[in-house]
Protein backbone atom coordinates (compact mmCIF):
# COMPACT_ATOMS: atom_id res chain seq x y z
CA MET A 1 -7.51 -39.63 -16.05
CA ASP A 2 -9.44 -36.37 -15.76
CA ALA A 3 -8.01 -32.93 -14.97
CA ALA A 4 -8.63 -33.21 -11.22
CA GLU A 5 -6.76 -36.53 -11.11
CA ILE A 6 -3.86 -35.02 -13.07
CA ILE A 7 -3.64 -32.16 -10.56
CA GLY A 8 -3.72 -34.68 -7.72
CA GLN A 9 -0.90 -36.71 -9.28
CA LEU A 10 1.21 -33.59 -9.83
CA ALA A 11 0.93 -32.90 -6.10
CA ARG A 12 2.49 -36.31 -5.31
CA ALA A 13 6.23 -36.96 -5.11
CA GLU A 14 6.14 -39.24 -8.17
CA GLY A 15 4.43 -36.54 -10.22
CA ARG A 16 6.93 -33.92 -9.17
CA VAL A 17 9.89 -36.10 -10.15
CA ASP A 18 8.56 -36.60 -13.69
CA PRO A 19 5.51 -34.49 -14.53
CA TYR A 20 5.81 -34.87 -18.30
CA PRO A 21 3.65 -38.01 -18.74
CA LEU A 22 0.93 -36.21 -16.78
CA TYR A 23 1.27 -33.20 -19.06
CA ALA A 24 0.79 -35.47 -22.06
CA GLN A 25 -2.44 -36.74 -20.49
CA ALA A 26 -3.55 -33.14 -19.91
CA HIS A 27 -3.03 -32.38 -23.61
CA ARG A 28 -5.31 -35.27 -24.51
CA LEU A 29 -8.10 -33.57 -22.54
CA GLY A 30 -7.68 -30.35 -24.51
CA PRO A 31 -5.86 -27.05 -24.09
CA VAL A 32 -8.23 -25.83 -21.34
CA THR A 33 -10.26 -27.92 -18.88
CA SER A 34 -12.44 -27.08 -15.88
CA PHE A 35 -11.43 -29.34 -12.99
CA ALA A 36 -13.19 -27.95 -9.90
CA GLU A 37 -15.62 -25.23 -8.95
CA ASP A 38 -14.02 -21.91 -9.89
CA TRP A 39 -10.84 -23.62 -11.14
CA VAL A 40 -9.54 -24.10 -14.69
CA LEU A 41 -6.46 -25.95 -15.96
CA ALA A 42 -4.66 -24.57 -19.04
CA CYS A 43 -1.93 -26.63 -20.72
CA GLY A 44 -2.06 -25.51 -24.38
CA TYR A 45 0.70 -23.16 -25.50
CA ASP A 46 -1.61 -20.61 -27.08
CA SER A 47 -4.06 -20.74 -24.19
CA VAL A 48 -1.38 -20.23 -21.54
CA ASN A 49 0.20 -17.45 -23.60
CA ARG A 50 -3.11 -15.62 -24.00
CA VAL A 51 -3.91 -15.71 -20.27
CA LEU A 52 -0.42 -14.48 -19.35
CA ARG A 53 -0.83 -11.53 -21.72
CA ASN A 54 -4.41 -10.67 -20.74
CA PRO A 55 -4.54 -7.93 -18.05
CA ALA A 56 -8.03 -9.12 -17.08
CA PHE A 57 -6.28 -12.04 -15.37
CA GLY A 58 -4.17 -10.92 -12.42
CA VAL A 59 -1.93 -12.43 -9.78
CA ASP A 60 -3.17 -13.32 -6.31
CA SER A 61 -2.29 -9.99 -4.68
CA ASP A 62 -2.84 -8.88 -1.09
CA GLU A 63 -5.77 -6.76 -2.31
CA LEU A 64 -7.46 -9.81 -3.87
CA ARG A 65 -6.89 -11.93 -0.76
CA ARG A 66 -8.44 -9.24 1.43
CA ALA A 67 -11.40 -8.92 -0.96
CA ARG A 68 -12.08 -12.64 -0.61
CA PHE A 69 -11.03 -13.45 2.94
CA GLY A 70 -11.29 -10.18 4.85
CA ASP A 71 -8.62 -9.18 7.35
CA GLU A 72 -7.29 -12.64 8.21
CA PRO A 73 -3.62 -12.52 9.27
CA ILE A 74 -1.23 -12.93 6.34
CA PRO A 75 1.81 -15.20 6.92
CA ASP A 76 5.18 -13.43 6.95
CA SER A 77 6.33 -15.09 3.71
CA LEU A 78 3.19 -14.07 1.81
CA SER A 79 3.38 -10.61 3.34
CA LEU A 80 7.00 -10.13 2.20
CA LEU A 81 6.43 -11.30 -1.37
CA GLY A 82 2.96 -9.77 -1.45
CA ALA A 83 4.59 -6.35 -1.28
CA SER A 84 6.64 -7.11 -4.42
CA MET A 85 5.99 -6.95 -8.16
CA LEU A 86 5.46 -10.71 -8.20
CA GLN A 87 2.14 -10.49 -6.39
CA SER A 88 0.88 -7.08 -7.45
CA ASN A 89 -1.50 -5.95 -10.17
CA PRO A 90 -1.71 -2.57 -11.95
CA PRO A 91 -1.43 0.22 -11.08
CA VAL A 92 0.74 -0.88 -8.13
CA HIS A 93 2.67 -3.35 -10.26
CA THR A 94 3.34 -0.74 -12.95
CA ARG A 95 4.63 1.78 -10.40
CA MET A 96 7.05 -0.71 -8.85
CA ARG A 97 8.25 -2.40 -12.02
CA ALA A 98 9.17 0.69 -14.05
CA PRO A 99 12.22 1.86 -12.03
CA ILE A 100 13.52 -1.67 -11.47
CA ALA A 101 13.15 -2.54 -15.16
CA SER A 102 15.64 0.21 -16.03
CA VAL A 103 18.39 -1.96 -14.53
CA PHE A 104 17.63 -4.86 -16.89
CA THR A 105 17.54 -3.14 -20.29
CA PRO A 106 19.38 -4.90 -23.16
CA ARG A 107 22.15 -2.28 -23.04
CA ARG A 108 22.72 -2.64 -19.31
CA VAL A 109 22.63 -6.45 -19.45
CA ALA A 110 25.10 -6.50 -22.36
CA ALA A 111 27.41 -4.29 -20.31
CA LEU A 112 27.44 -6.96 -17.60
CA GLU A 113 28.98 -9.60 -19.89
CA PRO A 114 32.63 -8.98 -18.89
CA ALA A 115 31.69 -9.27 -15.22
CA VAL A 116 29.75 -12.50 -15.87
CA VAL A 117 32.72 -13.94 -17.79
CA GLY A 118 35.00 -13.07 -14.88
CA VAL A 119 32.76 -14.80 -12.34
CA VAL A 120 32.44 -17.90 -14.55
CA GLU A 121 36.20 -18.23 -15.00
CA ARG A 122 36.84 -17.77 -11.28
CA LEU A 123 34.28 -20.42 -10.37
CA LEU A 124 35.67 -22.87 -12.92
CA ASP A 125 39.15 -22.35 -11.45
CA GLY A 126 37.74 -23.31 -8.06
CA LEU A 127 35.69 -26.19 -9.45
CA GLY A 128 38.81 -27.80 -10.87
CA GLY A 129 40.41 -27.97 -7.44
CA ARG A 130 37.46 -29.50 -5.57
CA ASP A 131 37.27 -32.99 -7.08
CA SER A 132 38.48 -35.26 -4.29
CA GLY A 133 39.28 -38.18 -6.60
CA ASP A 134 37.20 -40.62 -4.51
CA GLY A 135 34.65 -41.21 -7.28
CA ARG A 136 32.02 -39.04 -5.65
CA GLY A 137 33.05 -36.10 -7.78
CA VAL A 138 32.18 -32.49 -7.07
CA ASP A 139 28.66 -31.13 -6.69
CA PHE A 140 28.04 -28.94 -9.72
CA MET A 141 24.96 -27.39 -8.11
CA GLU A 142 26.70 -26.21 -4.95
CA GLU A 143 30.04 -25.22 -6.44
CA PHE A 144 28.93 -23.62 -9.69
CA ALA A 145 25.22 -23.54 -10.61
CA TYR A 146 24.29 -21.74 -7.40
CA GLN A 147 27.44 -19.66 -7.06
CA LEU A 148 27.28 -18.01 -10.49
CA PRO A 149 23.83 -16.38 -10.38
CA VAL A 150 24.00 -15.50 -6.68
CA SER A 151 27.32 -13.73 -7.30
CA VAL A 152 25.92 -11.77 -10.24
CA ILE A 153 22.65 -10.70 -8.59
CA SER A 154 24.44 -9.90 -5.32
CA GLU A 155 26.84 -7.62 -7.17
CA LEU A 156 23.91 -5.84 -8.80
CA LEU A 157 22.13 -5.44 -5.48
CA GLY A 158 25.26 -4.47 -3.61
CA VAL A 159 25.33 -7.39 -1.16
CA PRO A 160 28.84 -7.89 0.28
CA GLU A 161 30.42 -11.26 -0.53
CA GLN A 162 30.69 -12.27 3.13
CA ASP A 163 26.90 -11.93 3.55
CA ARG A 164 25.86 -14.30 0.75
CA ARG A 165 26.37 -17.74 2.30
CA PRO A 166 22.94 -18.04 4.00
CA PHE A 167 21.04 -17.04 0.86
CA ARG A 168 20.74 -20.48 -0.69
CA SER A 169 18.93 -22.04 2.25
CA GLN A 170 16.88 -18.90 2.92
CA ILE A 171 15.66 -18.57 -0.66
CA HIS A 172 15.07 -22.32 -0.87
CA ASP A 173 12.79 -22.06 2.16
CA LEU A 174 11.09 -18.82 1.11
CA SER A 175 10.26 -20.22 -2.33
CA ARG A 176 8.30 -23.05 -0.68
CA VAL A 177 5.40 -20.67 -0.23
CA LEU A 178 5.13 -20.43 -4.03
CA GLU A 179 4.95 -24.18 -4.49
CA PHE A 180 1.88 -25.97 -5.70
CA MET A 181 -0.10 -27.26 -2.71
CA SER A 182 2.51 -26.40 -0.08
CA ASP A 183 1.77 -27.59 3.48
CA ASP A 184 2.11 -26.13 6.99
CA SER A 185 5.75 -27.20 7.37
CA ASP A 186 6.56 -25.41 4.11
CA LEU A 187 4.86 -22.28 5.41
CA THR A 188 6.75 -22.40 8.73
CA ALA A 189 10.10 -22.60 6.95
CA ALA A 190 9.08 -19.92 4.45
CA ASP A 191 7.97 -17.54 7.21
CA ALA A 192 11.25 -17.97 9.09
CA ALA A 193 13.23 -17.29 5.91
CA ALA A 194 11.08 -14.21 5.17
CA ARG A 195 11.86 -12.75 8.59
CA GLU A 196 15.58 -13.39 8.13
CA LEU A 197 15.72 -11.90 4.64
CA GLY A 198 13.48 -8.97 5.53
CA GLY A 199 15.68 -8.18 8.53
CA TYR A 200 18.86 -8.45 6.49
CA PHE A 201 17.64 -6.14 3.71
CA ALA A 202 16.25 -3.63 6.24
CA THR A 203 19.73 -3.41 7.78
CA LEU A 204 21.43 -3.17 4.39
CA ALA A 205 19.00 -0.45 3.31
CA GLU A 206 19.90 1.62 6.37
CA LEU A 207 23.61 1.20 5.61
CA ARG A 208 23.07 2.39 2.03
CA ARG A 209 20.93 5.28 3.24
CA ALA A 210 23.82 6.45 5.42
CA GLU A 211 26.50 5.64 2.83
CA PRO A 212 25.12 5.46 -0.73
CA ARG A 213 26.86 3.31 -3.34
CA ASP A 214 26.45 2.54 -7.03
CA ASP A 215 24.15 -0.44 -6.53
CA LEU A 216 20.48 -1.37 -6.78
CA VAL A 217 19.80 -1.27 -3.03
CA THR A 218 20.93 2.36 -2.94
CA ALA A 219 18.80 3.21 -5.98
CA LEU A 220 15.68 1.65 -4.46
CA VAL A 221 16.28 3.29 -1.08
CA GLN A 222 16.40 6.63 -2.86
CA LEU A 223 13.01 5.86 -4.43
CA VAL A 224 11.57 5.29 -0.94
CA ASP A 225 13.07 8.52 0.36
CA ALA A 226 12.17 10.67 -2.66
CA GLU A 227 9.48 13.31 -2.33
CA ASP A 228 7.13 11.38 -4.60
CA ALA A 229 7.99 8.07 -2.78
CA ARG A 230 7.61 5.62 -5.67
CA LEU A 231 8.18 2.72 -3.23
CA ASP A 232 7.25 2.33 0.41
CA ALA A 233 9.35 0.53 3.03
CA ALA A 234 7.49 -2.79 2.72
CA GLU A 235 7.73 -2.69 -1.08
CA LEU A 236 11.46 -2.04 -0.82
CA LEU A 237 12.03 -5.20 1.24
CA GLY A 238 9.60 -7.30 -0.82
CA ASN A 239 11.23 -6.41 -4.11
CA LEU A 240 14.76 -6.91 -2.80
CA ALA A 241 13.79 -10.41 -1.62
CA LEU A 242 12.10 -11.07 -4.96
CA LEU A 243 15.13 -9.92 -6.98
CA LEU A 244 17.34 -12.22 -4.95
CA LEU A 245 14.94 -15.16 -5.35
CA ALA A 246 14.34 -14.63 -9.06
CA GLY A 247 17.96 -13.69 -9.65
CA PHE A 248 19.38 -17.08 -8.90
CA GLU A 249 16.78 -19.77 -8.21
CA THR A 250 15.67 -20.18 -11.82
CA THR A 251 19.16 -19.68 -13.30
CA THR A 252 20.59 -22.27 -10.92
CA ASN A 253 17.99 -24.76 -12.16
CA LEU A 254 18.61 -23.82 -15.80
CA LEU A 255 22.32 -24.60 -15.41
CA GLY A 256 21.75 -27.93 -13.64
CA ASN A 257 18.99 -29.08 -15.99
CA GLY A 258 21.12 -28.12 -18.98
CA LEU A 259 24.18 -30.04 -17.84
CA ALA A 260 22.09 -33.15 -17.10
CA LEU A 261 20.69 -32.96 -20.64
CA LEU A 262 24.20 -32.71 -22.07
CA PHE A 263 25.04 -35.96 -20.28
CA ASP A 264 22.01 -37.60 -21.91
CA HIS A 265 22.75 -36.21 -25.39
CA PRO A 266 26.43 -36.64 -26.30
CA SER A 267 25.85 -35.53 -29.90
CA VAL A 268 24.60 -32.17 -28.61
CA ARG A 269 27.66 -31.84 -26.39
CA ALA A 270 29.93 -32.61 -29.36
CA ALA A 271 28.13 -30.05 -31.53
CA LEU A 272 28.57 -27.36 -28.88
CA ILE A 273 32.26 -28.12 -28.45
CA GLN A 274 32.82 -28.09 -32.22
CA GLY A 275 30.86 -24.88 -32.69
CA ALA A 276 28.28 -26.61 -34.88
CA LEU A 277 25.44 -25.60 -32.54
CA PRO A 278 24.94 -22.05 -31.24
CA VAL A 279 24.96 -22.14 -27.45
CA GLY A 280 21.95 -19.80 -27.39
CA ASP A 281 19.87 -22.36 -29.29
CA PHE A 282 20.90 -25.02 -26.76
CA VAL A 283 19.84 -22.80 -23.86
CA GLU A 284 16.43 -22.12 -25.43
CA GLU A 285 15.79 -25.83 -25.86
CA VAL A 286 16.76 -26.51 -22.24
CA LEU A 287 14.24 -23.84 -21.22
CA ARG A 288 11.57 -25.52 -23.36
CA PHE A 289 12.31 -29.15 -22.63
CA ASP A 290 12.91 -28.99 -18.86
CA SER A 291 11.77 -25.55 -17.77
CA PRO A 292 13.09 -24.21 -14.45
CA VAL A 293 9.59 -22.81 -13.85
CA GLN A 294 6.83 -25.36 -14.46
CA LEU A 295 3.63 -23.55 -13.58
CA THR A 296 2.02 -20.36 -12.39
CA SER A 297 -1.55 -19.17 -11.84
CA ARG A 298 -3.81 -16.24 -12.57
CA THR A 299 -7.06 -14.95 -11.04
CA ALA A 300 -10.05 -13.64 -12.99
CA LEU A 301 -10.31 -10.00 -11.93
CA PHE A 302 -13.76 -9.39 -13.43
CA ARG A 303 -17.06 -11.12 -14.05
CA GLY A 304 -17.87 -12.69 -17.40
CA LEU A 305 -14.38 -13.93 -18.30
CA ASP A 306 -13.55 -17.22 -19.97
CA VAL A 307 -10.42 -19.12 -20.94
CA ASP A 308 -10.83 -20.18 -24.55
CA GLY A 309 -14.56 -20.67 -24.07
CA VAL A 310 -14.38 -22.22 -20.57
CA PRO A 311 -16.19 -19.73 -18.27
CA LEU A 312 -14.60 -18.55 -15.04
CA PRO A 313 -16.32 -16.51 -12.32
CA GLN A 314 -14.77 -13.44 -10.77
CA TYR A 315 -11.86 -14.52 -8.55
CA GLY A 316 -11.80 -17.93 -10.20
CA GLU A 317 -8.31 -19.40 -10.66
CA VAL A 318 -6.45 -20.56 -13.76
CA VAL A 319 -3.59 -23.03 -13.23
CA LEU A 320 -1.15 -22.42 -16.08
CA LEU A 321 1.05 -25.45 -16.79
CA ILE A 322 4.05 -23.75 -18.39
CA GLY A 323 5.99 -27.01 -18.56
CA ALA A 324 3.10 -28.59 -20.46
CA ALA A 325 2.67 -25.58 -22.76
CA ASN A 326 6.36 -25.92 -23.68
CA ARG A 327 5.60 -29.48 -24.81
CA ASP A 328 2.33 -28.79 -26.60
CA PRO A 329 2.23 -30.98 -29.74
CA ALA A 330 0.04 -28.33 -31.39
CA ARG A 331 2.92 -25.85 -31.07
CA PHE A 332 6.12 -27.96 -31.15
CA HIS A 333 6.88 -30.84 -33.50
CA ASP A 334 7.78 -34.01 -31.59
CA PRO A 335 7.71 -32.05 -28.31
CA ASP A 336 9.12 -34.82 -26.09
CA ARG A 337 12.35 -34.96 -28.11
CA PHE A 338 15.25 -32.76 -27.00
CA ASP A 339 16.18 -30.93 -30.21
CA PRO A 340 18.19 -27.70 -29.94
CA TRP A 341 18.12 -27.39 -33.74
CA ARG A 342 14.33 -26.94 -33.81
CA ALA A 343 13.09 -23.78 -35.54
CA ASP A 344 10.91 -21.03 -34.03
CA ASN A 345 11.64 -22.12 -30.48
CA GLN A 346 9.91 -19.69 -28.12
CA PRO A 347 9.30 -21.34 -24.74
CA LEU A 348 7.12 -19.66 -22.13
CA SER A 349 9.57 -20.41 -19.32
CA PHE A 350 10.04 -16.74 -18.42
CA GLY A 351 6.33 -15.99 -18.70
CA ALA A 352 4.71 -13.37 -20.95
CA GLY A 353 2.85 -10.11 -20.64
CA MET A 354 3.25 -7.64 -17.82
CA HIS A 355 4.86 -10.19 -15.48
CA TYR A 356 7.48 -11.35 -18.00
CA CYS A 357 10.66 -12.04 -16.03
CA LEU A 358 12.82 -8.91 -15.84
CA GLY A 359 15.95 -11.02 -15.52
CA ALA A 360 15.35 -13.23 -18.57
CA MET A 361 18.12 -11.62 -20.63
CA LEU A 362 20.55 -11.83 -17.73
CA ALA A 363 19.72 -15.51 -17.11
CA ARG A 364 20.30 -16.31 -20.78
CA LEU A 365 23.61 -14.41 -20.73
CA GLU A 366 24.77 -16.32 -17.65
CA ALA A 367 23.76 -19.67 -19.17
CA ARG A 368 25.39 -19.02 -22.54
CA THR A 369 28.60 -17.86 -20.88
CA ALA A 370 28.62 -20.75 -18.42
CA PHE A 371 28.11 -23.60 -20.89
CA THR A 372 30.62 -22.17 -23.37
CA ALA A 373 33.34 -21.86 -20.75
CA LEU A 374 32.48 -25.13 -18.97
CA LEU A 375 32.81 -27.22 -22.13
CA ARG A 376 35.98 -25.40 -23.11
CA ARG A 377 37.63 -26.07 -19.74
CA PHE A 378 36.16 -29.52 -19.02
CA PRO A 379 35.04 -31.10 -22.33
CA ALA A 380 34.99 -34.59 -20.77
CA ILE A 381 32.81 -33.64 -17.78
CA ALA A 382 30.58 -36.58 -16.84
CA PRO A 383 28.29 -37.81 -14.06
CA ALA A 384 30.24 -38.96 -11.01
CA GLN A 385 30.24 -42.74 -10.67
CA GLY A 386 30.20 -42.81 -6.88
CA ALA A 387 27.20 -40.54 -6.21
CA GLN A 388 23.75 -40.10 -7.73
CA PRO A 389 22.09 -36.78 -8.60
CA VAL A 390 19.11 -35.76 -6.48
CA ARG A 391 16.15 -33.79 -7.79
CA GLN A 392 14.55 -31.09 -5.68
CA ASP A 393 11.17 -32.27 -4.42
CA ARG A 394 9.45 -29.36 -6.13
CA LEU A 395 7.07 -28.86 -9.02
CA LEU A 396 6.88 -25.12 -9.61
CA LEU A 397 10.66 -24.63 -9.47
CA ARG A 398 12.18 -27.67 -11.16
CA GLY A 399 15.84 -28.48 -10.72
CA TYR A 400 18.49 -30.51 -8.95
CA ALA A 401 19.44 -30.39 -5.27
CA THR A 402 22.75 -32.09 -6.08
CA LEU A 403 24.44 -33.03 -9.36
CA PRO A 404 27.80 -34.75 -8.68
CA VAL A 405 30.19 -34.61 -11.64
CA ASP A 406 33.59 -35.97 -12.63
CA LEU A 407 35.48 -33.20 -14.41
CA GLY A 408 37.46 -35.64 -16.51
């Protein structure tokens, strides 16, 4: 199987359900392979890491799209996220990221721990009362894995609790536009979600402009209104949507993937309960072994670039298989074995370089807190016997749609 065939298989439902055998085939081709005109596939850990850290490779920003395609209309979903840090290159990216990054410093994230503990305990109280006893269990994804991160990021943003219910479906639909080889139906759903979220945050921004509060929406509105205007109105809405998306989609998947791995590895569960395994080491191995983010891409911004000797023309694309890099046998011993005791475990799941995930520390804090409390409260938690888990039909964002559990 060559690189083009691997890409084709990853675009199929079977490849999305279990991409890891395809990643192993990609490794046999080498860390970097050209698979189409102006396209390169990178699966080696060092290769992916170098591209992520190299500012000569940028994201597919609105400016790049206009340079290549002229003034074609941009779909609403791409327009919303295109005004955010996610799809911006320096100097625009630097200008937007700096003020938002101040919210996610180690000191500020550490200060959030009591609030995260409180949310976890409240959700576990509710989880214990939702098992119907009919064998179908309670859906861990709906009742806990989604609720925890959306509560935390909403509190940071300043979103009232009564406004949060639509977010899961809206973000699920908006994130379709980021998926590998999305189709027209994905784009239609993503555009509708972008209009809903953009409208909601525009209204919330006006409320905070009239009545400021100690939250991130107020802080960003003040940046728009400041004399030096470090954000414009479109960038405000794009970054608020991005913070919501990034604030819970990946953490939700991290929690679901981690619990499923505990079910498959009872010795790891026992070690966590007994305190013989640091919960942080467990979380890092979940990130490596079944990453919530499986791939990303970069564009060559200049002529004369190459990826580890494979040439790429200006505006050529590099597909970066993060999930494969995290299982690179040249970087990790026995990479297809789940081993939270492995040394020097540094997965690329949160990226690297200038686009390294701002919320990585917060996601790790939420996961460590969640698994510690979950196993303390429900040490015998197990898969429900009367219902099967369902994977999301996604590749880029890998996780469960449902994960029914018996709390024991």
